[in-house]
mmCIF file of all heavy atoms, coordinates in Angstrom:
data_MODEL
# 
_entry.id   MODEL 
# 
loop_
_atom_site.group_PDB 
_atom_site.id 
_atom_site.type_symbol 
_atom_site.label_atom_id 
_atom_site.label_alt_id 
_atom_site.label_comp_id 
_atom_site.label_asym_id 
_atom_site.label_entity_id 
_atom_site.label_seq_id 
_atom_site.pdbx_PDB_ins_code 
_atom_site.Cartn_x 
_atom_site.Cartn_y 
_atom_site.Cartn_z 
_atom_site.occupancy 
_atom_site.B_iso_or_equiv 
_atom_site.pdbx_formal_charge 
_atom_site.auth_seq_id 
_atom_site.auth_comp_id 
_atom_site.auth_asym_id 
_atom_site.auth_atom_id 
_atom_site.pdbx_PDB_model_num 
ATOM 1   N N   . GLY A 1 1  ? 17.344 17.790 -84.770 1.00 0.00 ? 1  GLY A N   1 
ATOM 2   C CA  . GLY A 1 1  ? 16.092 17.198 -85.150 1.00 0.00 ? 1  GLY A CA  1 
ATOM 3   C C   . GLY A 1 1  ? 15.896 15.884 -84.431 1.00 0.00 ? 1  GLY A C   1 
ATOM 4   O O   . GLY A 1 1  ? 16.109 15.801 -83.232 1.00 0.00 ? 1  GLY A O   1 
ATOM 5   N N   . ASP A 1 2  ? 15.636 14.806 -85.178 1.00 0.00 ? 2  ASP A N   1 
ATOM 6   C CA  . ASP A 1 2  ? 15.471 13.489 -84.559 1.00 0.00 ? 2  ASP A CA  1 
ATOM 7   C C   . ASP A 1 2  ? 16.733 12.638 -84.685 1.00 0.00 ? 2  ASP A C   1 
ATOM 8   O O   . ASP A 1 2  ? 16.731 11.437 -84.379 1.00 0.00 ? 2  ASP A O   1 
ATOM 9   C CB  . ASP A 1 2  ? 14.294 12.726 -85.119 1.00 0.00 ? 2  ASP A CB  1 
ATOM 10  C CG  . ASP A 1 2  ? 14.416 12.465 -86.623 1.00 0.00 ? 2  ASP A CG  1 
ATOM 11  O OD1 . ASP A 1 2  ? 15.350 12.956 -87.237 1.00 0.00 ? 2  ASP A OD1 1 
ATOM 12  O OD2 . ASP A 1 2  ? 13.512 11.802 -87.144 1.00 0.00 ? 2  ASP A OD2 1 
ATOM 13  N N   . GLN A 1 3  ? 17.859 13.264 -85.122 1.00 0.00 ? 3  GLN A N   1 
ATOM 14  C CA  . GLN A 1 3  ? 19.104 12.578 -85.278 1.00 0.00 ? 3  GLN A CA  1 
ATOM 15  C C   . GLN A 1 3  ? 20.067 12.811 -84.096 1.00 0.00 ? 3  GLN A C   1 
ATOM 16  O O   . GLN A 1 3  ? 20.306 13.954 -83.729 1.00 0.00 ? 3  GLN A O   1 
ATOM 17  C CB  . GLN A 1 3  ? 19.816 13.011 -86.544 1.00 0.00 ? 3  GLN A CB  1 
ATOM 18  C CG  . GLN A 1 3  ? 21.141 12.346 -86.806 1.00 0.00 ? 3  GLN A CG  1 
ATOM 19  C CD  . GLN A 1 3  ? 21.837 12.929 -88.026 1.00 0.00 ? 3  GLN A CD  1 
ATOM 20  O OE1 . GLN A 1 3  ? 21.334 13.807 -88.727 1.00 0.00 ? 3  GLN A OE1 1 
ATOM 21  N NE2 . GLN A 1 3  ? 23.004 12.435 -88.269 1.00 0.00 ? 3  GLN A NE2 1 
ATOM 22  N N   . ILE A 1 4  ? 20.557 11.759 -83.450 1.00 0.00 ? 4  ILE A N   1 
ATOM 23  C CA  . ILE A 1 4  ? 21.580 11.899 -82.384 1.00 0.00 ? 4  ILE A CA  1 
ATOM 24  C C   . ILE A 1 4  ? 22.905 12.199 -83.083 1.00 0.00 ? 4  ILE A C   1 
ATOM 25  O O   . ILE A 1 4  ? 23.348 11.441 -83.943 1.00 0.00 ? 4  ILE A O   1 
ATOM 26  C CB  . ILE A 1 4  ? 21.697 10.623 -81.516 1.00 0.00 ? 4  ILE A CB  1 
ATOM 27  C CG1 . ILE A 1 4  ? 20.362 10.434 -80.773 1.00 0.00 ? 4  ILE A CG1 1 
ATOM 28  C CG2 . ILE A 1 4  ? 22.861 10.737 -80.589 1.00 0.00 ? 4  ILE A CG2 1 
ATOM 29  C CD1 . ILE A 1 4  ? 20.264 9.113  -80.052 1.00 0.00 ? 4  ILE A CD1 1 
ATOM 30  N N   . ILE A 1 5  ? 23.529 13.311 -82.718 1.00 0.00 ? 5  ILE A N   1 
ATOM 31  C CA  . ILE A 1 5  ? 24.782 13.724 -83.376 1.00 0.00 ? 5  ILE A CA  1 
ATOM 32  C C   . ILE A 1 5  ? 25.992 13.664 -82.489 1.00 0.00 ? 5  ILE A C   1 
ATOM 33  O O   . ILE A 1 5  ? 27.137 13.737 -82.952 1.00 0.00 ? 5  ILE A O   1 
ATOM 34  C CB  . ILE A 1 5  ? 24.626 15.160 -83.965 1.00 0.00 ? 5  ILE A CB  1 
ATOM 35  C CG1 . ILE A 1 5  ? 24.275 16.164 -82.908 1.00 0.00 ? 5  ILE A CG1 1 
ATOM 36  C CG2 . ILE A 1 5  ? 23.569 15.147 -85.087 1.00 0.00 ? 5  ILE A CG2 1 
ATOM 37  C CD1 . ILE A 1 5  ? 24.375 17.642 -83.332 1.00 0.00 ? 5  ILE A CD1 1 
ATOM 38  N N   . ALA A 1 6  ? 25.785 13.514 -81.146 1.00 0.00 ? 6  ALA A N   1 
ATOM 39  C CA  . ALA A 1 6  ? 26.910 13.450 -80.220 1.00 0.00 ? 6  ALA A CA  1 
ATOM 40  C C   . ALA A 1 6  ? 26.444 12.782 -78.918 1.00 0.00 ? 6  ALA A C   1 
ATOM 41  O O   . ALA A 1 6  ? 25.281 12.861 -78.558 1.00 0.00 ? 6  ALA A O   1 
ATOM 42  C CB  . ALA A 1 6  ? 27.473 14.791 -79.907 1.00 0.00 ? 6  ALA A CB  1 
ATOM 43  N N   . THR A 1 7  ? 27.384 12.098 -78.285 1.00 0.00 ? 7  THR A N   1 
ATOM 44  C CA  . THR A 1 7  ? 27.095 11.410 -77.024 1.00 0.00 ? 7  THR A CA  1 
ATOM 45  C C   . THR A 1 7  ? 28.257 11.625 -76.017 1.00 0.00 ? 7  THR A C   1 
ATOM 46  O O   . THR A 1 7  ? 29.389 11.926 -76.434 1.00 0.00 ? 7  THR A O   1 
ATOM 47  C CB  . THR A 1 7  ? 26.934 9.883  -77.207 1.00 0.00 ? 7  THR A CB  1 
ATOM 48  O OG1 . THR A 1 7  ? 28.195 9.350  -77.685 1.00 0.00 ? 7  THR A OG1 1 
ATOM 49  C CG2 . THR A 1 7  ? 25.848 9.519  -78.206 1.00 0.00 ? 7  THR A CG2 1 
ATOM 50  N N   . SER A 1 8  ? 27.918 11.486 -74.769 1.00 0.00 ? 8  SER A N   1 
ATOM 51  C CA  . SER A 1 8  ? 28.918 11.553 -73.729 1.00 0.00 ? 8  SER A CA  1 
ATOM 52  C C   . SER A 1 8  ? 28.346 10.890 -72.474 1.00 0.00 ? 8  SER A C   1 
ATOM 53  O O   . SER A 1 8  ? 27.124 10.789 -72.321 1.00 0.00 ? 8  SER A O   1 
ATOM 54  C CB  . SER A 1 8  ? 29.394 12.955 -73.386 1.00 0.00 ? 8  SER A CB  1 
ATOM 55  O OG  . SER A 1 8  ? 28.287 13.686 -72.854 1.00 0.00 ? 8  SER A OG  1 
ATOM 56  N N   . ALA A 1 9  ? 29.223 10.442 -71.596 1.00 0.00 ? 9  ALA A N   1 
ATOM 57  C CA  . ALA A 1 9  ? 28.783 9.807  -70.325 1.00 0.00 ? 9  ALA A CA  1 
ATOM 58  C C   . ALA A 1 9  ? 29.853 9.914  -69.317 1.00 0.00 ? 9  ALA A C   1 
ATOM 59  O O   . ALA A 1 9  ? 31.048 10.006 -69.628 1.00 0.00 ? 9  ALA A O   1 
ATOM 60  C CB  . ALA A 1 9  ? 28.394 8.349  -70.569 1.00 0.00 ? 9  ALA A CB  1 
ATOM 61  N N   . ILE A 1 10 ? 29.439 9.878  -68.082 1.00 0.00 ? 10 ILE A N   1 
ATOM 62  C CA  . ILE A 1 10 ? 30.381 9.830  -66.945 1.00 0.00 ? 10 ILE A CA  1 
ATOM 63  C C   . ILE A 1 10 ? 29.907 8.819  -65.925 1.00 0.00 ? 10 ILE A C   1 
ATOM 64  O O   . ILE A 1 10 ? 28.702 8.736  -65.633 1.00 0.00 ? 10 ILE A O   1 
ATOM 65  C CB  . ILE A 1 10 ? 30.613 11.247 -66.320 1.00 0.00 ? 10 ILE A CB  1 
ATOM 66  C CG1 . ILE A 1 10 ? 31.778 11.222 -65.308 1.00 0.00 ? 10 ILE A CG1 1 
ATOM 67  C CG2 . ILE A 1 10 ? 29.301 11.747 -65.731 1.00 0.00 ? 10 ILE A CG2 1 
ATOM 68  C CD1 . ILE A 1 10 ? 32.240 12.572 -64.910 1.00 0.00 ? 10 ILE A CD1 1 
ATOM 69  N N   . SER A 1 11 ? 30.843 8.013  -65.415 1.00 0.00 ? 11 SER A N   1 
ATOM 70  C CA  . SER A 1 11 ? 30.577 7.096  -64.330 1.00 0.00 ? 11 SER A CA  1 
ATOM 71  C C   . SER A 1 11 ? 31.306 7.618  -63.092 1.00 0.00 ? 11 SER A C   1 
ATOM 72  O O   . SER A 1 11 ? 32.448 8.024  -63.195 1.00 0.00 ? 11 SER A O   1 
ATOM 73  C CB  . SER A 1 11 ? 31.091 5.695  -64.664 1.00 0.00 ? 11 SER A CB  1 
ATOM 74  O OG  . SER A 1 11 ? 30.469 5.208  -65.829 1.00 0.00 ? 11 SER A OG  1 
ATOM 75  N N   . PHE A 1 12 ? 30.628 7.589  -61.981 1.00 0.00 ? 12 PHE A N   1 
ATOM 76  C CA  . PHE A 1 12 ? 31.245 8.060  -60.756 1.00 0.00 ? 12 PHE A CA  1 
ATOM 77  C C   . PHE A 1 12 ? 31.690 6.854  -59.932 1.00 0.00 ? 12 PHE A C   1 
ATOM 78  O O   . PHE A 1 12 ? 30.955 5.916  -59.719 1.00 0.00 ? 12 PHE A O   1 
ATOM 79  C CB  . PHE A 1 12 ? 30.274 8.911  -59.936 1.00 0.00 ? 12 PHE A CB  1 
ATOM 80  C CG  . PHE A 1 12 ? 29.841 10.149 -60.637 1.00 0.00 ? 12 PHE A CG  1 
ATOM 81  C CD1 . PHE A 1 12 ? 28.570 10.352 -61.036 1.00 0.00 ? 12 PHE A CD1 1 
ATOM 82  C CD2 . PHE A 1 12 ? 30.784 11.132 -60.978 1.00 0.00 ? 12 PHE A CD2 1 
ATOM 83  C CE1 . PHE A 1 12 ? 28.171 11.509 -61.679 1.00 0.00 ? 12 PHE A CE1 1 
ATOM 84  C CE2 . PHE A 1 12 ? 30.431 12.300 -61.614 1.00 0.00 ? 12 PHE A CE2 1 
ATOM 85  C CZ  . PHE A 1 12 ? 29.080 12.475 -61.973 1.00 0.00 ? 12 PHE A CZ  1 
ATOM 86  N N   . VAL A 1 13 ? 32.974 6.918  -59.470 1.00 0.00 ? 13 VAL A N   1 
ATOM 87  C CA  . VAL A 1 13 ? 33.514 5.866  -58.632 1.00 0.00 ? 13 VAL A CA  1 
ATOM 88  C C   . VAL A 1 13 ? 34.108 6.534  -57.383 1.00 0.00 ? 13 VAL A C   1 
ATOM 89  O O   . VAL A 1 13 ? 34.455 7.705  -57.411 1.00 0.00 ? 13 VAL A O   1 
ATOM 90  C CB  . VAL A 1 13 ? 34.628 5.037  -59.365 1.00 0.00 ? 13 VAL A CB  1 
ATOM 91  C CG1 . VAL A 1 13 ? 34.032 4.330  -60.553 1.00 0.00 ? 13 VAL A CG1 1 
ATOM 92  C CG2 . VAL A 1 13 ? 35.734 5.953  -59.832 1.00 0.00 ? 13 VAL A CG2 1 
ATOM 93  N N   . GLU A 1 14 ? 34.177 5.777  -56.341 1.00 0.00 ? 14 GLU A N   1 
ATOM 94  C CA  . GLU A 1 14 ? 34.771 6.266  -55.099 1.00 0.00 ? 14 GLU A CA  1 
ATOM 95  C C   . GLU A 1 14 ? 35.891 5.333  -54.690 1.00 0.00 ? 14 GLU A C   1 
ATOM 96  O O   . GLU A 1 14 ? 35.733 4.132  -54.619 1.00 0.00 ? 14 GLU A O   1 
ATOM 97  C CB  . GLU A 1 14 ? 33.690 6.351  -54.013 1.00 0.00 ? 14 GLU A CB  1 
ATOM 98  C CG  . GLU A 1 14 ? 34.141 7.168  -52.829 1.00 0.00 ? 14 GLU A CG  1 
ATOM 99  C CD  . GLU A 1 14 ? 33.027 7.514  -51.874 1.00 0.00 ? 14 GLU A CD  1 
ATOM 100 O OE1 . GLU A 1 14 ? 31.862 7.258  -52.221 1.00 0.00 ? 14 GLU A OE1 1 
ATOM 101 O OE2 . GLU A 1 14 ? 33.336 8.069  -50.829 1.00 0.00 ? 14 GLU A OE2 1 
ATOM 102 N N   . LYS A 1 15 ? 37.020 5.955  -54.374 1.00 0.00 ? 15 LYS A N   1 
ATOM 103 C CA  . LYS A 1 15 ? 38.211 5.235  -53.933 1.00 0.00 ? 15 LYS A CA  1 
ATOM 104 C C   . LYS A 1 15 ? 38.646 5.807  -52.640 1.00 0.00 ? 15 LYS A C   1 
ATOM 105 O O   . LYS A 1 15 ? 38.163 6.850  -52.200 1.00 0.00 ? 15 LYS A O   1 
ATOM 106 C CB  . LYS A 1 15 ? 39.311 5.367  -54.990 1.00 0.00 ? 15 LYS A CB  1 
ATOM 107 C CG  . LYS A 1 15 ? 38.927 4.841  -56.363 1.00 0.00 ? 15 LYS A CG  1 
ATOM 108 C CD  . LYS A 1 15 ? 40.010 5.097  -57.352 1.00 0.00 ? 15 LYS A CD  1 
ATOM 109 C CE  . LYS A 1 15 ? 39.628 4.604  -58.747 1.00 0.00 ? 15 LYS A CE  1 
ATOM 110 N NZ  . LYS A 1 15 ? 40.651 4.816  -59.723 1.00 0.00 ? 15 LYS A NZ  1 
ATOM 111 N N   . PRO A 1 16 ? 39.609 5.234  -51.941 1.00 0.00 ? 16 PRO A N   1 
ATOM 112 C CA  . PRO A 1 16 ? 40.131 5.868  -50.748 1.00 0.00 ? 16 PRO A CA  1 
ATOM 113 C C   . PRO A 1 16 ? 40.664 7.262  -51.056 1.00 0.00 ? 16 PRO A C   1 
ATOM 114 O O   . PRO A 1 16 ? 41.249 7.476  -52.106 1.00 0.00 ? 16 PRO A O   1 
ATOM 115 C CB  . PRO A 1 16 ? 41.280 4.924  -50.326 1.00 0.00 ? 16 PRO A CB  1 
ATOM 116 C CG  . PRO A 1 16 ? 40.931 3.594  -50.897 1.00 0.00 ? 16 PRO A CG  1 
ATOM 117 C CD  . PRO A 1 16 ? 40.240 3.942  -52.197 1.00 0.00 ? 16 PRO A CD  1 
ATOM 118 N N   . PRO A 1 17 ? 40.443 8.220  -50.159 1.00 0.00 ? 17 PRO A N   1 
ATOM 119 C CA  . PRO A 1 17 ? 40.926 9.598  -50.413 1.00 0.00 ? 17 PRO A CA  1 
ATOM 120 C C   . PRO A 1 17 ? 42.438 9.654  -50.556 1.00 0.00 ? 17 PRO A C   1 
ATOM 121 O O   . PRO A 1 17 ? 43.162 8.858  -49.972 1.00 0.00 ? 17 PRO A O   1 
ATOM 122 C CB  . PRO A 1 17 ? 40.478 10.334 -49.130 1.00 0.00 ? 17 PRO A CB  1 
ATOM 123 C CG  . PRO A 1 17 ? 39.440 9.497  -48.519 1.00 0.00 ? 17 PRO A CG  1 
ATOM 124 C CD  . PRO A 1 17 ? 39.720 8.067  -48.909 1.00 0.00 ? 17 PRO A CD  1 
ATOM 125 N N   . THR A 1 18 ? 42.867 10.627 -51.334 1.00 0.00 ? 18 THR A N   1 
ATOM 126 C CA  . THR A 1 18 ? 44.289 10.905 -51.514 1.00 0.00 ? 18 THR A CA  1 
ATOM 127 C C   . THR A 1 18 ? 44.494 12.423 -51.347 1.00 0.00 ? 18 THR A C   1 
ATOM 128 O O   . THR A 1 18 ? 43.527 13.182 -51.327 1.00 0.00 ? 18 THR A O   1 
ATOM 129 C CB  . THR A 1 18 ? 44.822 10.480 -52.872 1.00 0.00 ? 18 THR A CB  1 
ATOM 130 O OG1 . THR A 1 18 ? 44.139 11.267 -53.874 1.00 0.00 ? 18 THR A OG1 1 
ATOM 131 C CG2 . THR A 1 18 ? 44.599 8.983  -53.146 1.00 0.00 ? 18 THR A CG2 1 
ATOM 132 N N   . PHE A 1 19 ? 45.756 12.858 -51.291 1.00 0.00 ? 19 PHE A N   1 
ATOM 133 C CA  . PHE A 1 19 ? 46.003 14.317 -51.221 1.00 0.00 ? 19 PHE A CA  1 
ATOM 134 C C   . PHE A 1 19 ? 45.476 14.982 -52.459 1.00 0.00 ? 19 PHE A C   1 
ATOM 135 O O   . PHE A 1 19 ? 44.952 16.078 -52.413 1.00 0.00 ? 19 PHE A O   1 
ATOM 136 C CB  . PHE A 1 19 ? 47.513 14.569 -51.016 1.00 0.00 ? 19 PHE A CB  1 
ATOM 137 C CG  . PHE A 1 19 ? 48.003 14.211 -49.670 1.00 0.00 ? 19 PHE A CG  1 
ATOM 138 C CD1 . PHE A 1 19 ? 48.867 13.153 -49.466 1.00 0.00 ? 19 PHE A CD1 1 
ATOM 139 C CD2 . PHE A 1 19 ? 47.588 14.937 -48.542 1.00 0.00 ? 19 PHE A CD2 1 
ATOM 140 C CE1 . PHE A 1 19 ? 49.336 12.832 -48.241 1.00 0.00 ? 19 PHE A CE1 1 
ATOM 141 C CE2 . PHE A 1 19 ? 47.993 14.579 -47.293 1.00 0.00 ? 19 PHE A CE2 1 
ATOM 142 C CZ  . PHE A 1 19 ? 48.893 13.546 -47.113 1.00 0.00 ? 19 PHE A CZ  1 
ATOM 143 N N   . GLY A 1 20 ? 45.614 14.359 -53.600 1.00 0.00 ? 20 GLY A N   1 
ATOM 144 C CA  . GLY A 1 20 ? 45.134 14.935 -54.872 1.00 0.00 ? 20 GLY A CA  1 
ATOM 145 C C   . GLY A 1 20 ? 43.661 14.890 -55.024 1.00 0.00 ? 20 GLY A C   1 
ATOM 146 O O   . GLY A 1 20 ? 43.099 15.625 -55.805 1.00 0.00 ? 20 GLY A O   1 
ATOM 147 N N   . CYS A 1 21 ? 42.990 13.962 -54.328 1.00 0.00 ? 21 CYS A N   1 
ATOM 148 C CA  . CYS A 1 21 ? 41.542 13.834 -54.401 1.00 0.00 ? 21 CYS A CA  1 
ATOM 149 C C   . CYS A 1 21 ? 40.997 13.490 -53.016 1.00 0.00 ? 21 CYS A C   1 
ATOM 150 O O   . CYS A 1 21 ? 40.683 12.319 -52.717 1.00 0.00 ? 21 CYS A O   1 
ATOM 151 C CB  . CYS A 1 21 ? 41.204 12.717 -55.422 1.00 0.00 ? 21 CYS A CB  1 
ATOM 152 S SG  . CYS A 1 21 ? 39.452 12.508 -55.700 1.00 0.00 ? 21 CYS A SG  1 
ATOM 153 N N   . PRO A 1 22 ? 40.841 14.492 -52.170 1.00 0.00 ? 22 PRO A N   1 
ATOM 154 C CA  . PRO A 1 22 ? 40.456 14.270 -50.771 1.00 0.00 ? 22 PRO A CA  1 
ATOM 155 C C   . PRO A 1 22 ? 39.085 13.599 -50.613 1.00 0.00 ? 22 PRO A C   1 
ATOM 156 O O   . PRO A 1 22 ? 38.832 12.875 -49.664 1.00 0.00 ? 22 PRO A O   1 
ATOM 157 C CB  . PRO A 1 22 ? 40.442 15.636 -50.147 1.00 0.00 ? 22 PRO A CB  1 
ATOM 158 C CG  . PRO A 1 22 ? 41.258 16.492 -51.041 1.00 0.00 ? 22 PRO A CG  1 
ATOM 159 C CD  . PRO A 1 22 ? 41.165 15.904 -52.393 1.00 0.00 ? 22 PRO A CD  1 
ATOM 160 N N   . SER A 1 23 ? 38.177 13.797 -51.592 1.00 0.00 ? 23 SER A N   1 
ATOM 161 C CA  . SER A 1 23 ? 36.844 13.183 -51.479 1.00 0.00 ? 23 SER A CA  1 
ATOM 162 C C   . SER A 1 23 ? 36.890 11.696 -51.856 1.00 0.00 ? 23 SER A C   1 
ATOM 163 O O   . SER A 1 23 ? 36.015 10.949 -51.523 1.00 0.00 ? 23 SER A O   1 
ATOM 164 C CB  . SER A 1 23 ? 35.839 13.892 -52.388 1.00 0.00 ? 23 SER A CB  1 
ATOM 165 O OG  . SER A 1 23 ? 36.108 13.612 -53.764 1.00 0.00 ? 23 SER A OG  1 
ATOM 166 N N   . GLY A 1 24 ? 37.901 11.307 -52.600 1.00 0.00 ? 24 GLY A N   1 
ATOM 167 C CA  . GLY A 1 24 ? 37.979 9.948  -53.140 1.00 0.00 ? 24 GLY A CA  1 
ATOM 168 C C   . GLY A 1 24 ? 37.083 9.714  -54.344 1.00 0.00 ? 24 GLY A C   1 
ATOM 169 O O   . GLY A 1 24 ? 37.072 8.663  -54.914 1.00 0.00 ? 24 GLY A O   1 
ATOM 170 N N   . LYS A 1 25 ? 36.265 10.697 -54.697 1.00 0.00 ? 25 LYS A N   1 
ATOM 171 C CA  . LYS A 1 25 ? 35.328 10.577 -55.815 1.00 0.00 ? 25 LYS A CA  1 
ATOM 172 C C   . LYS A 1 25 ? 36.009 11.009 -57.096 1.00 0.00 ? 25 LYS A C   1 
ATOM 173 O O   . LYS A 1 25 ? 36.596 12.076 -57.222 1.00 0.00 ? 25 LYS A O   1 
ATOM 174 C CB  . LYS A 1 25 ? 34.075 11.428 -55.532 1.00 0.00 ? 25 LYS A CB  1 
ATOM 175 C CG  . LYS A 1 25 ? 33.304 10.926 -54.320 1.00 0.00 ? 25 LYS A CG  1 
ATOM 176 C CD  . LYS A 1 25 ? 32.132 11.857 -54.068 1.00 0.00 ? 25 LYS A CD  1 
ATOM 177 C CE  . LYS A 1 25 ? 31.347 11.353 -52.835 1.00 0.00 ? 25 LYS A CE  1 
ATOM 178 N NZ  . LYS A 1 25 ? 30.236 12.243 -52.525 1.00 0.00 ? 25 LYS A NZ  1 
# 
């Protein structure tokens, strides 16, 4: 209805690439 019952959020950051995270994102 008009009641907020749950929330979530994500922030995207970029770091130097690693083997585990080649995009760095």
